[in-house]
Protein backbone atom coordinates (compact mmCIF):
# COMPACT_ATOMS: atom_id res chain seq x y z
CA MET A 1 -15.70 6.75 2.05
CA THR A 2 -16.41 3.27 0.77
CA MET A 3 -14.98 0.65 -1.58
CA THR A 4 -17.50 0.29 -4.41
CA PRO A 5 -17.21 -3.21 -5.93
CA ALA A 6 -16.82 -4.09 -9.61
CA HIS A 7 -20.05 -4.94 -11.37
CA ASP A 8 -21.34 -6.53 -14.57
CA TYR A 9 -24.39 -5.12 -16.40
CA GLU A 10 -26.79 -6.40 -19.01
CA GLU A 11 -26.85 -4.73 -22.40
CA GLY A 12 -29.13 -1.70 -22.63
CA LYS A 13 -28.77 -0.57 -19.02
CA THR A 14 -28.24 3.09 -18.09
CA THR A 15 -26.55 4.73 -15.11
CA ALA A 16 -27.71 7.83 -13.26
CA ILE A 17 -25.57 10.98 -13.10
CA TYR A 18 -26.05 12.78 -9.81
CA GLU A 19 -25.56 16.12 -8.14
CA GLY A 20 -24.99 16.28 -4.40
CA ARG A 21 -23.32 12.89 -3.80
CA MET A 22 -20.26 14.47 -2.20
CA HIS A 23 -22.30 16.07 0.61
CA THR A 24 -24.08 12.93 1.83
CA GLN A 25 -23.15 11.35 5.19
CA THR A 26 -23.19 7.64 4.32
CA PRO A 27 -23.09 5.57 1.11
CA GLN A 28 -26.83 4.97 1.50
CA ASP A 29 -27.73 8.62 2.21
CA SER A 30 -29.46 10.50 -0.60
CA THR A 31 -30.28 13.74 1.25
CA LYS A 32 -30.18 16.72 -1.13
CA MET A 33 -28.94 14.42 -3.88
CA TYR A 34 -30.79 14.25 -7.15
CA VAL A 35 -30.46 12.73 -10.61
CA ARG A 36 -29.35 15.22 -13.28
CA GLY A 37 -29.70 12.71 -16.08
CA ARG A 38 -28.72 9.26 -17.33
CA ILE A 39 -26.15 7.84 -19.76
CA PRO A 40 -25.69 4.33 -21.23
CA GLN A 41 -24.02 1.87 -18.85
CA VAL A 42 -21.05 -0.26 -19.90
CA ALA A 43 -20.86 -4.04 -19.58
CA HIS A 44 -18.34 -3.98 -16.72
CA THR A 45 -17.27 -1.37 -14.17
CA TYR A 46 -14.13 -1.54 -12.01
CA LYS A 47 -13.93 -1.45 -8.24
CA TYR A 48 -12.96 1.98 -6.90
CA LEU A 49 -12.41 3.91 -3.67
CA ASP A 50 -15.40 6.22 -3.47
CA THR A 51 -14.59 9.39 -1.56
CA ALA A 52 -16.22 12.83 -1.92
CA TYR A 53 -14.08 13.08 -5.04
CA PRO A 54 -13.56 9.42 -6.11
CA CYS A 55 -9.83 8.78 -6.15
CA LEU A 56 -8.50 5.27 -6.95
CA ASN A 57 -9.61 2.15 -8.80
CA GLU A 58 -8.47 -1.47 -8.82
CA LYS A 59 -6.25 -0.91 -11.90
CA GLN A 60 -4.06 1.74 -10.22
CA LEU A 61 -5.78 4.64 -11.92
CA ALA A 62 -5.84 7.60 -9.52
CA ILE A 63 -7.41 11.05 -9.55
CA GLY A 64 -6.83 14.08 -7.32
CA GLU A 65 -9.03 17.20 -7.38
CA SER A 66 -8.45 20.93 -6.96
CA THR A 67 -11.17 23.52 -7.61
CA ILE A 68 -9.87 26.41 -9.74
CA THR A 69 -13.13 28.31 -10.44
CA GLY A 70 -12.16 30.30 -13.57
CA ARG A 71 -14.08 33.07 -15.32
CA MET A 72 -17.76 33.21 -14.36
CA ILE A 73 -18.79 33.69 -18.01
CA LEU A 74 -17.70 30.10 -18.72
CA GLN A 75 -20.02 28.28 -16.35
CA ASN A 76 -23.16 26.73 -17.80
CA LYS A 77 -25.25 24.86 -15.22
CA LYS A 78 -27.24 23.14 -17.97
CA GLY A 79 -24.32 20.77 -18.47
CA LEU A 80 -24.98 17.28 -17.13
CA PHE A 81 -21.74 16.54 -15.31
CA MET A 82 -20.30 17.83 -12.04
CA VAL A 83 -16.62 17.05 -11.69
CA GLU A 84 -17.01 14.35 -9.01
CA GLU A 85 -19.28 12.39 -11.34
CA LEU A 86 -16.75 12.63 -14.17
CA GLU A 87 -14.18 11.18 -11.77
CA ARG A 88 -16.51 8.35 -10.77
CA ILE A 89 -17.35 7.35 -14.33
CA ALA A 90 -13.68 7.50 -15.36
CA LEU A 91 -12.61 5.25 -12.48
CA GLU A 92 -15.41 2.80 -13.23
CA ARG A 93 -14.48 2.50 -16.90
CA CYS A 94 -10.78 3.29 -17.46
CA THR A 95 -7.40 1.72 -16.74
CA THR A 96 -5.02 4.51 -17.80
CA ALA A 97 -4.77 8.27 -17.41
CA ARG A 98 -5.00 8.82 -21.18
CA GLU A 99 -8.17 6.75 -21.38
CA ALA A 100 -9.68 8.72 -18.49
CA ILE A 101 -8.90 12.07 -20.11
CA GLN A 102 -10.30 10.98 -23.45
CA LEU A 103 -13.46 9.58 -21.84
CA ILE A 104 -14.05 12.72 -19.77
CA GLY A 105 -13.56 14.84 -22.88
CA GLU A 106 -16.08 12.78 -24.84
CA LEU A 107 -18.65 12.82 -22.01
CA VAL A 108 -18.37 16.59 -21.71
CA ARG A 109 -18.71 16.99 -25.49
CA GLN A 110 -21.86 14.87 -25.55
CA TYR A 111 -23.58 15.88 -22.32
CA GLY A 112 -21.96 19.10 -21.14
CA TYR A 113 -20.04 20.23 -18.08
CA GLY A 114 -22.13 22.03 -15.44
CA ASP A 115 -19.52 22.71 -12.74
CA SER A 116 -17.09 25.55 -12.08
CA GLY A 117 -13.45 25.32 -13.16
CA GLU A 118 -11.62 22.24 -11.92
CA CYS A 119 -8.15 20.73 -12.05
CA LEU A 120 -7.72 16.97 -11.88
CA THR A 121 -4.39 15.22 -11.39
CA ILE A 122 -4.92 11.98 -13.30
CA ALA A 123 -2.29 9.29 -12.89
CA ASP A 124 -1.69 5.65 -13.66
CA LYS A 125 1.25 3.30 -13.16
CA ASN A 126 3.28 5.01 -15.89
CA GLU A 127 2.05 8.57 -16.47
CA VAL A 128 0.81 11.64 -14.58
CA TRP A 129 -1.31 14.34 -16.22
CA ILE A 130 -2.66 17.72 -15.11
CA PHE A 131 -6.15 18.13 -16.56
CA GLU A 132 -8.11 21.41 -16.36
CA ILE A 133 -11.71 21.93 -17.41
CA PHE A 134 -14.19 24.82 -17.68
CA GLY A 135 -17.66 25.32 -19.08
CA GLU A 136 -18.09 26.53 -22.63
CA GLY A 137 -20.11 29.63 -21.79
CA PRO A 138 -23.80 30.54 -21.49
CA LYS A 139 -24.80 29.71 -25.06
CA ASN A 140 -23.26 26.24 -25.40
CA VAL A 141 -23.74 23.14 -23.26
CA GLY A 142 -20.31 21.60 -23.54
CA GLY A 143 -16.91 22.24 -22.05
CA VAL A 144 -13.37 23.28 -22.78
CA TRP A 145 -10.33 21.50 -21.41
CA ALA A 146 -6.59 20.92 -21.70
CA ALA A 147 -4.21 18.33 -20.28
CA VAL A 148 -0.45 18.33 -19.85
CA ARG A 149 1.66 15.27 -19.09
CA ILE A 150 4.20 15.79 -16.30
CA PRO A 151 7.64 14.45 -17.25
CA ASP A 152 8.67 11.37 -15.26
CA ASP A 153 11.50 13.21 -13.52
CA GLU A 154 9.55 16.35 -12.58
CA ILE A 155 7.04 17.45 -9.94
CA ALA A 156 3.96 19.62 -10.38
CA VAL A 157 1.75 21.53 -7.95
CA SER A 158 -1.90 22.52 -8.37
CA ALA A 159 -3.55 24.47 -5.54
CA ASN A 160 -6.88 26.03 -6.58
CA ILE A 161 -5.40 28.02 -9.47
CA SER A 162 -5.30 27.21 -13.18
CA ARG A 163 -1.72 26.19 -13.97
CA ILE A 164 -1.67 25.19 -17.65
CA SER A 165 -0.04 27.77 -19.91
CA LYS A 166 1.02 26.74 -23.42
CA ILE A 167 -0.41 23.68 -25.15
CA ASP A 168 1.39 22.13 -28.11
CA LEU A 169 -1.14 19.78 -29.68
CA SER A 170 1.44 18.57 -32.20
CA ASP A 171 3.20 16.90 -29.26
CA ILE A 172 0.68 14.14 -28.64
CA ASP A 173 2.88 12.49 -26.01
CA HIS A 174 2.57 15.46 -23.65
CA TYR A 175 -0.53 17.50 -24.58
CA MET A 176 -4.23 16.95 -25.14
CA ALA A 177 -7.14 19.41 -25.39
CA SER A 178 -10.75 19.71 -26.49
CA GLU A 179 -11.27 20.46 -30.18
CA ASN A 180 -12.75 23.85 -29.28
CA VAL A 181 -9.96 24.99 -26.97
CA PHE A 182 -8.92 27.91 -29.21
CA ASP A 183 -12.30 28.73 -30.78
CA VAL A 184 -14.10 29.25 -27.47
CA ALA A 185 -11.42 31.64 -26.27
CA LYS A 186 -11.77 33.71 -29.43
CA LYS A 187 -15.57 33.57 -29.49
CA LEU A 188 -15.82 34.82 -25.90
CA LYS A 189 -13.11 37.43 -26.55
CA LEU A 190 -10.75 35.85 -24.02
CA TRP A 191 -7.95 35.63 -26.60
CA ASP A 192 -7.27 37.77 -29.64
CA GLY A 193 -6.08 34.85 -31.76
CA LYS A 194 -2.79 36.60 -32.49
CA SER A 195 -0.76 36.64 -29.28
CA PRO A 196 0.72 33.35 -27.98
CA PHE A 197 -2.10 31.28 -26.49
CA SER A 198 -2.06 30.66 -22.74
CA PHE A 199 -4.78 28.38 -21.36
CA TRP A 200 -4.79 29.90 -17.87
CA ARG A 201 -4.76 33.48 -19.15
CA ALA A 202 -7.73 32.80 -21.41
CA TYR A 203 -9.95 30.74 -19.15
CA SER A 204 -8.90 31.77 -15.65
CA GLY A 205 -7.24 35.15 -15.95
CA GLY A 206 -5.24 34.88 -12.75
CA ASN A 207 -5.20 33.60 -9.20
CA TYR A 208 -7.73 33.96 -6.36
CA LEU A 209 -5.94 37.11 -5.14
CA ASN A 210 -6.85 38.80 -8.44
CA GLU A 211 -3.22 38.75 -9.53
CA GLU A 212 -2.35 38.01 -13.14
CA LYS A 213 -0.42 34.89 -12.18
CA ASN A 214 -0.90 31.13 -12.53
CA TYR A 215 0.17 30.48 -8.93
CA SER A 216 0.12 31.85 -5.41
CA VAL A 217 1.93 31.14 -2.13
CA ARG A 218 1.41 27.38 -1.93
CA GLU A 219 2.67 26.45 -5.39
CA LEU A 220 5.77 28.59 -5.06
CA TYR A 221 6.53 27.37 -1.54
CA ILE A 222 6.32 23.66 -2.43
CA MET A 223 8.37 24.04 -5.60
CA ASN A 224 11.05 25.93 -3.68
CA GLN A 225 11.10 23.23 -1.02
CA LEU A 226 11.67 20.49 -3.61
CA ALA A 227 13.82 22.46 -6.07
CA PRO A 228 15.59 25.17 -4.02
CA SER A 229 18.40 25.39 -6.57
CA LEU A 230 16.00 27.09 -9.01
CA ASN A 231 15.50 30.09 -6.70
CA LEU A 232 11.96 30.61 -7.98
CA SER A 233 10.61 34.07 -7.16
CA ASP A 234 7.13 35.56 -6.76
CA THR A 235 8.11 38.30 -9.22
CA ILE A 236 7.40 36.04 -12.20
CA THR A 237 3.96 35.88 -13.80
CA ASP A 238 4.03 32.38 -15.26
CA LEU A 239 5.31 29.70 -12.88
CA PRO A 240 6.33 26.51 -14.74
CA ILE A 241 3.70 23.83 -14.38
CA SER A 242 6.43 21.38 -13.41
CA VAL A 243 10.10 21.45 -12.36
CA HIS A 244 12.90 18.98 -11.81
CA PRO A 245 13.39 18.45 -8.04
CA ASP A 246 16.87 18.59 -6.59
CA GLN A 247 16.41 15.08 -5.19
CA LYS A 248 14.04 12.16 -5.67
CA VAL A 249 10.78 12.80 -3.81
CA SER A 250 9.36 10.31 -1.30
CA VAL A 251 5.86 9.62 0.00
CA GLU A 252 6.96 10.97 3.39
CA GLN A 253 8.09 14.25 1.83
CA VAL A 254 4.82 14.71 -0.03
CA SER A 255 2.89 13.98 3.15
CA LYS A 256 4.86 16.54 5.14
CA LEU A 257 4.47 19.16 2.44
CA LEU A 258 0.70 18.64 2.43
CA GLY A 259 0.85 19.25 6.18
CA SER A 260 3.06 22.33 5.99
CA TYR A 261 2.37 25.94 6.95
CA TYR A 262 5.48 27.86 5.82
CA GLU A 263 7.45 27.23 8.99
CA GLY A 264 10.85 28.89 8.73
CA THR A 265 9.51 31.71 6.54
CA ASP A 266 8.00 35.12 7.29
CA LYS A 267 4.60 33.75 6.24
CA ASN A 268 4.37 31.41 9.24
CA LEU A 269 1.73 32.64 11.68
CA SER A 270 3.12 30.65 14.61
CA GLY A 271 6.31 31.65 16.33
CA ARG A 272 5.48 35.36 16.05
CA HIS A 273 3.99 36.24 19.42
CA LEU A 274 6.51 36.70 22.21
CA ILE A 275 5.78 36.75 25.93
CA PRO A 276 8.11 37.32 28.95
CA ASN A 277 10.05 34.23 30.00
CA SER A 278 9.07 33.48 33.61
CA LYS A 279 12.08 31.21 34.06
CA LYS A 280 15.35 32.61 35.32
CA GLU A 281 17.33 30.82 32.63
CA GLY A 282 17.15 31.37 28.90
CA PRO A 283 16.07 34.36 26.82
CA ASP A 284 14.03 37.25 28.19
CA SER A 285 11.09 36.37 25.96
CA ILE A 286 9.70 33.17 24.47
CA VAL A 287 7.04 32.31 21.89
CA SER A 288 3.58 32.11 23.40
CA PRO A 289 2.25 28.53 23.47
CA PHE A 290 -1.01 29.94 22.08
CA SER A 291 0.73 30.98 18.87
CA ASN A 292 -0.34 28.52 16.16
CA PRO A 293 -0.12 28.38 12.35
CA TRP A 294 -3.84 27.85 11.72
CA MET A 295 -5.36 30.97 13.27
CA ARG A 296 -8.86 31.96 12.25
CA PRO A 297 -9.40 35.32 10.54
CA ASP A 298 -10.93 36.76 13.74
CA GLU A 299 -7.80 35.81 15.71
CA ILE A 300 -5.60 37.41 13.06
CA ASN A 301 -7.74 40.56 13.20
CA MET A 302 -7.38 40.64 16.97
CA TYR A 303 -3.57 40.57 16.77
CA TYR A 304 -3.68 43.16 13.99
CA SER A 305 -5.75 45.51 16.16
CA MET A 306 -3.21 45.03 18.96
CA GLY A 307 -0.44 46.36 16.78
CA ASP A 308 0.87 43.41 14.76
CA SER A 309 0.59 45.23 11.44
CA VAL A 310 2.07 42.42 9.32
CA MET A 311 -0.40 39.72 10.42
CA LYS A 312 -2.15 38.49 7.27
CA ASN A 313 -4.57 35.68 6.54
CA ILE A 314 -2.36 33.62 4.22
CA ARG A 315 -3.72 30.31 2.92
CA THR A 316 -1.52 27.58 4.39
CA VAL A 317 -0.96 24.27 2.61
CA SER A 318 -2.63 22.36 5.45
CA VAL A 319 -5.89 23.70 6.87
CA PRO A 320 -8.01 22.70 9.89
CA TRP A 321 -11.25 22.52 7.89
CA CYS A 322 -9.89 19.76 5.65
CA SER A 323 -12.21 16.75 5.49
CA TYR A 324 -9.68 14.25 4.15
CA SER A 325 -6.32 14.25 2.37
CA THR A 326 -4.81 11.64 0.04
CA VAL A 327 -1.28 10.76 -1.00
CA ILE A 328 -1.64 8.11 -3.70
CA GLN A 329 1.24 5.80 -4.57
CA LEU A 330 1.21 3.83 -7.86
CA ARG A 331 3.81 1.20 -8.77
CA SER A 332 3.93 -0.65 -12.08
CA TRP A 333 6.31 -3.38 -10.89
CA LEU A 334 3.81 -4.79 -8.37
CA PRO A 335 0.43 -6.47 -8.77
CA ASP A 336 -2.34 -3.87 -8.83
CA GLU A 337 -3.79 -5.11 -5.54
CA VAL A 338 -0.75 -3.96 -3.55
CA GLY A 339 0.92 -1.68 -6.11
CA GLY A 340 -1.63 1.07 -5.62
CA VAL A 341 -2.16 2.53 -2.17
CA ALA A 342 -3.96 5.64 -0.96
CA TRP A 343 -2.47 7.10 2.21
CA ILE A 344 -5.47 8.75 3.88
CA ALA A 345 -5.55 11.43 6.57
CA PHE A 346 -8.69 12.94 8.10
CA ASP A 347 -8.97 16.53 9.29
CA ASN A 348 -5.85 18.73 9.29
CA PRO A 349 -3.05 16.85 7.44
CA GLY A 350 -0.51 18.89 9.41
CA GLU A 351 -1.61 17.07 12.55
CA SER A 352 -3.32 13.81 11.55
CA PRO A 353 -1.77 10.42 10.78
CA ARG A 354 -2.09 8.62 7.46
CA PHE A 355 -3.25 5.04 7.06
CA PRO A 356 -3.14 2.89 3.89
CA ILE A 357 -5.99 1.69 1.69
CA PHE A 358 -4.65 -0.68 -0.98
CA CYS A 359 -6.22 -1.27 -4.39
CA GLY A 360 -6.89 -4.85 -3.35
CA VAL A 361 -8.97 -3.92 -0.30
CA THR A 362 -12.61 -4.97 -0.70
CA GLU A 363 -14.16 -3.66 2.52
CA LEU A 364 -13.49 -0.82 4.94
CA PRO A 365 -14.23 -0.32 8.64
CA GLU A 366 -17.76 1.00 9.11
CA MET A 367 -16.45 4.17 10.77
CA LEU A 368 -14.85 5.19 7.45
CA GLU A 369 -18.18 5.04 5.65
CA ILE A 370 -19.65 7.87 7.74
CA CYS A 371 -18.90 11.51 6.91
CA GLY A 372 -18.69 13.93 9.82
CA GLN A 373 -17.60 17.04 7.96
CA HIS A 374 -20.82 18.96 8.65
CA THR A 375 -22.20 17.06 11.67
CA GLU A 376 -20.37 16.07 14.85
CA ARG A 377 -20.81 12.33 15.43
CA ASP A 378 -18.65 9.83 17.30
CA ASP A 379 -19.31 7.07 14.77
CA ALA A 380 -17.51 9.12 12.08
CA ALA A 381 -13.76 8.60 11.89
CA LEU A 382 -13.15 12.29 11.20
CA TRP A 383 -14.12 13.42 14.70
CA HIS A 384 -11.70 11.12 16.48
CA PHE A 385 -8.93 13.13 14.82
CA ARG A 386 -10.62 16.54 14.75
CA LYS A 387 -11.31 16.74 18.50
CA THR A 388 -7.73 15.85 19.40
CA ASN A 389 -6.25 18.18 16.80
CA ARG A 390 -8.35 21.14 17.96
CA LEU A 391 -7.26 20.63 21.57
CA ALA A 392 -3.63 20.48 20.48
CA THR A 393 -3.96 23.62 18.37
CA VAL A 394 -5.19 25.71 21.30
CA ARG A 395 -1.75 25.45 22.93
CA TRP A 396 0.28 24.42 19.90
CA GLY A 397 3.58 25.42 21.47
CA ASN A 398 3.02 22.93 24.29
CA TYR A 399 1.40 20.08 22.40
CA ARG A 400 2.88 20.07 18.89
CA THR A 401 5.62 17.58 19.79
CA LEU A 402 3.05 15.09 21.08
CA ILE A 403 0.96 15.37 17.91
CA GLU A 404 3.82 15.47 15.41
CA ASN A 405 5.62 12.49 16.93
CA ALA A 406 2.45 10.40 16.71
CA ARG A 407 1.74 11.59 13.17
CA ASP A 408 5.27 10.78 12.01
CA TYR A 409 5.25 7.40 13.78
CA PHE A 410 2.38 6.13 11.65
CA MET A 411 3.91 7.38 8.40
CA GLN A 412 7.19 5.65 9.27
CA LYS A 413 5.32 2.53 10.34
CA GLY A 414 3.47 2.41 7.04
CA GLN A 415 6.61 2.78 4.95
CA ARG A 416 8.53 0.34 7.14
CA GLU A 417 5.89 -2.37 6.82
CA LEU A 418 5.05 -1.81 3.16
CA SER A 419 7.40 -4.42 1.70
CA PHE A 420 6.18 -6.96 4.28
CA VAL A 421 2.55 -6.41 3.22
CA GLU A 422 3.45 -6.71 -0.47
CA LYS A 423 5.39 -9.96 -0.01
CA THR A 424 2.84 -11.49 2.35
CA TRP A 425 -0.02 -10.72 -0.02
CA GLN A 426 1.83 -12.23 -2.99
CA THR A 427 2.67 -15.40 -1.03
CA LEU A 428 -0.91 -15.81 0.16
CA HIS A 429 -2.38 -14.96 -3.25
CA SER A 430 -0.38 -17.64 -5.03
CA ALA A 431 -1.86 -20.25 -2.68
CA ASP A 432 -5.31 -18.86 -1.86
CA PRO A 433 -6.49 -15.49 -3.27
CA GLN A 434 -9.28 -15.28 -0.70
CA GLN A 435 -6.80 -15.44 2.18
CA ALA A 436 -4.76 -12.68 0.53
CA GLU A 437 -7.89 -10.51 0.38
CA ILE A 438 -8.69 -11.20 4.03
CA MET A 439 -5.14 -10.29 5.03
CA LEU A 440 -5.22 -6.99 3.14
CA ASN A 441 -8.61 -6.00 4.55
CA GLY A 442 -7.44 -6.89 8.04
CA TYR A 443 -4.17 -5.00 7.76
CA THR A 444 -5.94 -1.81 6.64
CA ALA A 445 -8.53 -2.14 9.42
CA ASP A 446 -5.88 -2.76 12.07
CA PHE A 447 -3.69 0.13 10.91
CA PHE A 448 -6.65 2.50 10.83
CA GLY A 449 -7.86 1.28 14.22
CA ALA A 450 -4.45 1.95 15.75
CA THR A 451 -4.52 5.58 14.56
CA VAL A 452 -7.99 6.12 16.05
CA SER A 453 -6.91 4.55 19.35
CA ARG A 454 -3.80 6.74 19.55
CA TRP A 455 -5.71 9.94 18.81
CA ASP A 456 -8.42 9.07 21.36
CA GLU A 457 -5.72 8.42 23.94
CA MET A 458 -4.06 11.76 23.20
CA ALA A 459 -7.39 13.56 23.52
CA ARG A 460 -7.83 12.18 27.02
CA LYS A 461 -4.31 13.27 27.89
CA LEU A 462 -4.86 16.79 26.54
CA TRP A 463 -8.11 17.15 28.48
CA ARG A 464 -6.32 16.14 31.68
CA GLN A 465 -3.60 18.70 31.05
CA THR A 466 -6.10 21.50 30.44
CA TRP A 467 -8.44 20.81 33.37
CA THR A 468 -7.70 24.25 34.84
CA GLY A 469 -8.56 25.97 31.58
CA PHE A 470 -6.96 26.77 28.26
């Protein structure tokens, strides 16, 4: 994770398009990374937050990613672009979601898309779009895509499943698609050309459980949490791509939903395993402190073999193998430097705190620039959260309050101090822009440092409490 600066280029320059960037450990690392090809460079590129999937630029253009796979017949590895490189180029060159979609579409038309199916949430200060893309099949190096604008008063959920159904290209305010979106489906016999066209039915066919649906547990759960009055049911085949929430949705709500695991429903894995209550007072049995919502498949199989016949490996919203999670806030009424902010969490977002990285930040703490997803290393920020979270998960019933209180404290702190940061930056910027930049860099570094310090402190406490064993 690094903040890549803006840059000016001489006419005639080209830029390399890579494969393997997202699996490197530092910005300078090129292990198993190679150049797939080159395209013409533009005169000026914008500053952007470079994560595994680049996510935010200096103009408050933001992108979120969700792999949706799709039909295997569609993939063509001869295409130049992987999805993370499309995101990078769009953030370097675009200021709005529409521009980004149009640029990605043109790049794919010219150079081809070589990745599996992907969904990108592309947003700017005024609009949010769901964009889905697939390859064009084995005989054509290109791509096929569609994009749907989410109404300003609605929420949408994408969780590794193609969600786009109908596309009305006469409604240019809310729909966009590649010129070949219908022809490819007919050519590959994915649509008969007579029945109503459904993008997900043609190019995906269903969810990852092999059900003929454009959703699974996560989409339905989140929509029911935000719009319970709709009483959405898993009996339907086509879940609306977006719905009107019962109340206005906050950053805190989104963060908690991304950390959720179906607590309060029959799909929650924790709270299921009862043991005798050794205390004289209270119920005869209590939930085992070892019961946790993020059990591995082998743990689930163990309980199943012991007689818990309804234990199932259900994909929770938050997962312990998560590398990083973003909640990106974009606000048109503020200067870009403080209007856009990515709230970042490392490791399991159900346990970890979030810290802010503003659009105006120009440098990040060195610890953030090191990836620890595949290698344990103390100089990587990830492991300061991962070690503590794993210890807490072992006896979740005993330690969840400690973790959740700390997690919630930092989210509340961030929201509480947000207006102060915005006003302070604007005051400093009007007098001395360099001092405003220093302040913003320092605030992000201090906030991040406080989260690391708290999680390190909790790890020491958890080790002391488990000195006799787990």
